[in-house]
Amino acid sequence: MCYLLYRMLGDWFTMEKKIIILNVDDNVATTLKDLLKDVIIDIEEYGLKINIRENIPFAHKFAIKDIENGETIIKYGEIIGIAVKNINKGEHVHIHNTKSNRGRGDIT
C-alpha cells in the first residue's frame, strides 16, 4: 500500500501540472503555478484548449468556459459564488468579477 501511494504521488509531483479541475461540473480551474497571459492550456481529459487572457497568480481560479453575469461559479462541484459580470473563458475569476456566497449567513 505504501509503495502504491508513493508511486502515485511520485508520478503526480514529477508531471508538469499547470492546473487542476476538481469536479467534472466545475466551470473554473485552479492554477498550480503562475500562468502568463496568452499561454495555451490544453486540458486533454476535458477536450479543452484555453487561451489564458491575463496573468493569473498561483492558486487562483480562471474560467474554463464563458460565464455570464449572474451565473453561478462552480468549484469542487459546489456553488462558491456568483458572477457579477460576464467572464470569458481564460479570464481570472476573483473578487473583481464574483460575489462569494461561502461563509455568509444570509445565503443558504
C-alpha atoms as a PDB file:
ATOM      1  CA  MET A   1       0.000   0.000   0.000  1.00  0.00           C
ATOM      2  CA  CYS A   2       2.775   2.465   0.905  1.00  0.00           C
ATOM      3  CA  TYR A   3       4.582   1.700  -2.348  1.00  0.00           C
ATOM      4  CA  LEU A   4       1.427   2.290  -4.353  1.00  0.00           C
ATOM      5  CA  LEU A   5       0.780   5.613  -2.609  1.00  0.00           C
ATOM      6  CA  TYR A   6       4.414   6.651  -3.121  1.00  0.00           C
ATOM      7  CA  ARG A   7       4.220   5.652  -6.784  1.00  0.00           C
ATOM      8  CA  MET A   8       1.033   7.662  -7.312  1.00  0.00           C
ATOM      9  CA  LEU A   9       2.385  10.739  -5.539  1.00  0.00           C
ATOM     10  CA  GLY A  10       5.731  10.387  -7.271  1.00  0.00           C
ATOM     11  CA  ASP A  11       4.018  10.437 -10.663  1.00  0.00           C
ATOM     12  CA  TRP A  12       1.900  13.427  -9.604  1.00  0.00           C
ATOM     13  CA  PHE A  13       4.831  15.546  -8.466  1.00  0.00           C
ATOM     14  CA  THR A  14       7.034  14.783 -11.459  1.00  0.00           C
ATOM     15  CA  MET A  15       4.354  15.721 -14.011  1.00  0.00           C
ATOM     16  CA  GLU A  16       4.287  19.276 -15.283  1.00  0.00           C
ATOM     17  CA  LYS A  17       0.827  20.125 -13.987  1.00  0.00           C
ATOM     18  CA  LYS A  18      -0.295  23.701 -14.513  1.00  0.00           C
ATOM     19  CA  ILE A  19      -3.920  23.497 -13.427  1.00  0.00           C
ATOM     20  CA  ILE A  20      -6.382  21.325 -11.579  1.00  0.00           C
ATOM     21  CA  ILE A  21     -10.102  20.835 -12.071  1.00  0.00           C
ATOM     22  CA  LEU A  22     -11.662  19.275  -9.007  1.00  0.00           C
ATOM     23  CA  ASN A  23     -15.029  18.146 -10.393  1.00  0.00           C
ATOM     24  CA  VAL A  24     -16.449  17.487 -13.848  1.00  0.00           C
ATOM     25  CA  ASP A  25     -19.196  20.076 -13.167  1.00  0.00           C
ATOM     26  CA  ASP A  26     -16.727  22.898 -12.360  1.00  0.00           C
ATOM     27  CA  ASN A  27     -16.691  25.975 -14.591  1.00  0.00           C
ATOM     28  CA  VAL A  28     -13.358  27.142 -13.145  1.00  0.00           C
ATOM     29  CA  ALA A  29      -9.906  25.603 -12.807  1.00  0.00           C
ATOM     30  CA  THR A  30      -7.236  26.404 -10.217  1.00  0.00           C
ATOM     31  CA  THR A  31      -3.657  27.237 -11.191  1.00  0.00           C
ATOM     32  CA  LEU A  32      -0.802  25.190  -9.770  1.00  0.00           C
ATOM     33  CA  LYS A  33       1.740  27.776 -10.904  1.00  0.00           C
ATOM     34  CA  ASP A  34       1.660  31.355 -12.131  1.00  0.00           C
ATOM     35  CA  LEU A  35       0.109  31.483 -15.601  1.00  0.00           C
ATOM     36  CA  LEU A  36       1.105  34.180 -18.054  1.00  0.00           C
ATOM     37  CA  LYS A  37      -1.196  35.920 -20.497  1.00  0.00           C
ATOM     38  CA  ASP A  38      -1.510  34.184 -23.892  1.00  0.00           C
ATOM     39  CA  VAL A  39      -0.371  30.764 -22.625  1.00  0.00           C
ATOM     40  CA  ILE A  40      -2.487  27.992 -24.154  1.00  0.00           C
ATOM     41  CA  ILE A  41      -3.645  25.388 -21.631  1.00  0.00           C
ATOM     42  CA  ASP A  42      -4.557  22.016 -23.152  1.00  0.00           C
ATOM     43  CA  ILE A  43      -6.875  20.071 -20.847  1.00  0.00           C
ATOM     44  CA  GLU A  44      -6.986  16.804 -22.761  1.00  0.00           C
ATOM     45  CA  GLU A  45      -9.252  14.943 -20.335  1.00  0.00           C
ATOM     46  CA  TYR A  46     -11.963  17.595 -20.884  1.00  0.00           C
ATOM     47  CA  GLY A  47     -11.260  18.222 -24.564  1.00  0.00           C
ATOM     48  CA  LEU A  48     -10.461  21.894 -23.873  1.00  0.00           C
ATOM     49  CA  LYS A  49      -7.826  24.307 -25.115  1.00  0.00           C
ATOM     50  CA  ILE A  50      -7.895  27.583 -23.246  1.00  0.00           C
ATOM     51  CA  ASN A  51      -6.049  30.785 -24.074  1.00  0.00           C
ATOM     52  CA  ILE A  52      -5.175  32.486 -20.767  1.00  0.00           C
ATOM     53  CA  ARG A  53      -6.328  36.099 -21.239  1.00  0.00           C
ATOM     54  CA  GLU A  54      -4.410  37.733 -18.377  1.00  0.00           C
ATOM     55  CA  ASN A  55      -1.692  36.868 -15.880  1.00  0.00           C
ATOM     56  CA  ILE A  56      -3.143  34.590 -13.202  1.00  0.00           C
ATOM     57  CA  PRO A  57      -1.276  34.029  -9.928  1.00  0.00           C
ATOM     58  CA  PHE A  58      -0.578  30.636  -8.384  1.00  0.00           C
ATOM     59  CA  ALA A  59      -3.613  29.054  -6.655  1.00  0.00           C
ATOM     60  CA  HIS A  60      -6.113  31.431  -8.276  1.00  0.00           C
ATOM     61  CA  LYS A  61      -9.055  30.441 -10.452  1.00  0.00           C
ATOM     62  CA  PHE A  62      -9.790  31.028 -14.115  1.00  0.00           C
ATOM     63  CA  ALA A  63     -12.859  30.317 -16.226  1.00  0.00           C
ATOM     64  CA  ILE A  64     -12.803  27.145 -18.314  1.00  0.00           C
ATOM     65  CA  LYS A  65     -15.943  28.252 -20.150  1.00  0.00           C
ATOM     66  CA  ASP A  66     -17.735  31.546 -20.670  1.00  0.00           C
ATOM     67  CA  ILE A  67     -19.661  32.504 -17.520  1.00  0.00           C
ATOM     68  CA  GLU A  68     -22.481  35.015 -17.810  1.00  0.00           C
ATOM     69  CA  ASN A  69     -23.319  37.773 -15.341  1.00  0.00           C
ATOM     70  CA  GLY A  70     -25.499  36.208 -12.611  1.00  0.00           C
ATOM     71  CA  GLU A  71     -24.357  32.640 -13.361  1.00  0.00           C
ATOM     72  CA  THR A  72     -23.021  30.529 -10.510  1.00  0.00           C
ATOM     73  CA  ILE A  73     -19.299  29.861 -10.080  1.00  0.00           C
ATOM     74  CA  ILE A  74     -18.768  26.138  -9.514  1.00  0.00           C
ATOM     75  CA  LYS A  75     -15.657  24.656  -7.877  1.00  0.00           C
ATOM     76  CA  TYR A  76     -15.450  21.282  -6.095  1.00  0.00           C
ATOM     77  CA  GLY A  77     -18.788  20.576  -7.795  1.00  0.00           C
ATOM     78  CA  GLU A  78     -20.292  23.153  -5.424  1.00  0.00           C
ATOM     79  CA  ILE A  79     -21.529  26.697  -5.931  1.00  0.00           C
ATOM     80  CA  ILE A  80     -18.957  29.054  -4.409  1.00  0.00           C
ATOM     81  CA  GLY A  81     -20.231  32.352  -5.766  1.00  0.00           C
ATOM     82  CA  ILE A  82     -21.983  34.290  -8.484  1.00  0.00           C
ATOM     83  CA  ALA A  83     -20.508  36.184 -11.432  1.00  0.00           C
ATOM     84  CA  VAL A  84     -21.157  39.936 -11.130  1.00  0.00           C
ATOM     85  CA  LYS A  85     -20.197  40.488 -14.772  1.00  0.00           C
ATOM     86  CA  ASN A  86     -19.546  38.353 -17.831  1.00  0.00           C
ATOM     87  CA  ILE A  87     -16.348  36.300 -17.503  1.00  0.00           C
ATOM     88  CA  ASN A  88     -14.756  34.976 -20.681  1.00  0.00           C
ATOM     89  CA  LYS A  89     -13.076  31.585 -20.892  1.00  0.00           C
ATOM     90  CA  GLY A  90      -9.453  32.032 -19.794  1.00  0.00           C
ATOM     91  CA  GLU A  91     -10.077  35.079 -17.587  1.00  0.00           C
ATOM     92  CA  HIS A  92      -9.115  35.364 -13.927  1.00  0.00           C
ATOM     93  CA  VAL A  93     -12.044  34.570 -11.597  1.00  0.00           C
ATOM     94  CA  HIS A  94     -11.627  36.506  -8.360  1.00  0.00           C
ATOM     95  CA  ILE A  95     -13.181  39.224  -6.194  1.00  0.00           C
ATOM     96  CA  HIS A  96     -13.279  41.752  -9.050  1.00  0.00           C
ATOM     97  CA  ASN A  97     -15.833  39.726 -11.017  1.00  0.00           C
ATOM     98  CA  THR A  98     -17.566  37.475  -8.470  1.00  0.00           C
ATOM     99  CA  LYS A  99     -19.576  37.690  -5.309  1.00  0.00           C
ATOM    100  CA  SER A 100     -18.831  34.886  -2.868  1.00  0.00           C
ATOM    101  CA  ASN A 101     -21.584  33.093  -1.030  1.00  0.00           C
ATOM    102  CA  ARG A 102     -19.259  30.991   1.130  1.00  0.00           C
ATOM    103  CA  GLY A 103     -19.252  31.840   4.809  1.00  0.00           C
ATOM    104  CA  ARG A 104     -22.267  34.134   4.503  1.00  0.00           C
ATOM    105  CA  GLY A 105     -25.124  33.594   6.931  1.00  0.00           C
ATOM    106  CA  ASP A 106     -27.678  35.298   4.684  1.00  0.00           C
ATOM    107  CA  ILE A 107     -27.397  32.792   1.814  1.00  0.00           C
ATOM    108  CA  THR A 108     -28.267  29.119   2.128  1.00  0.00           C
END
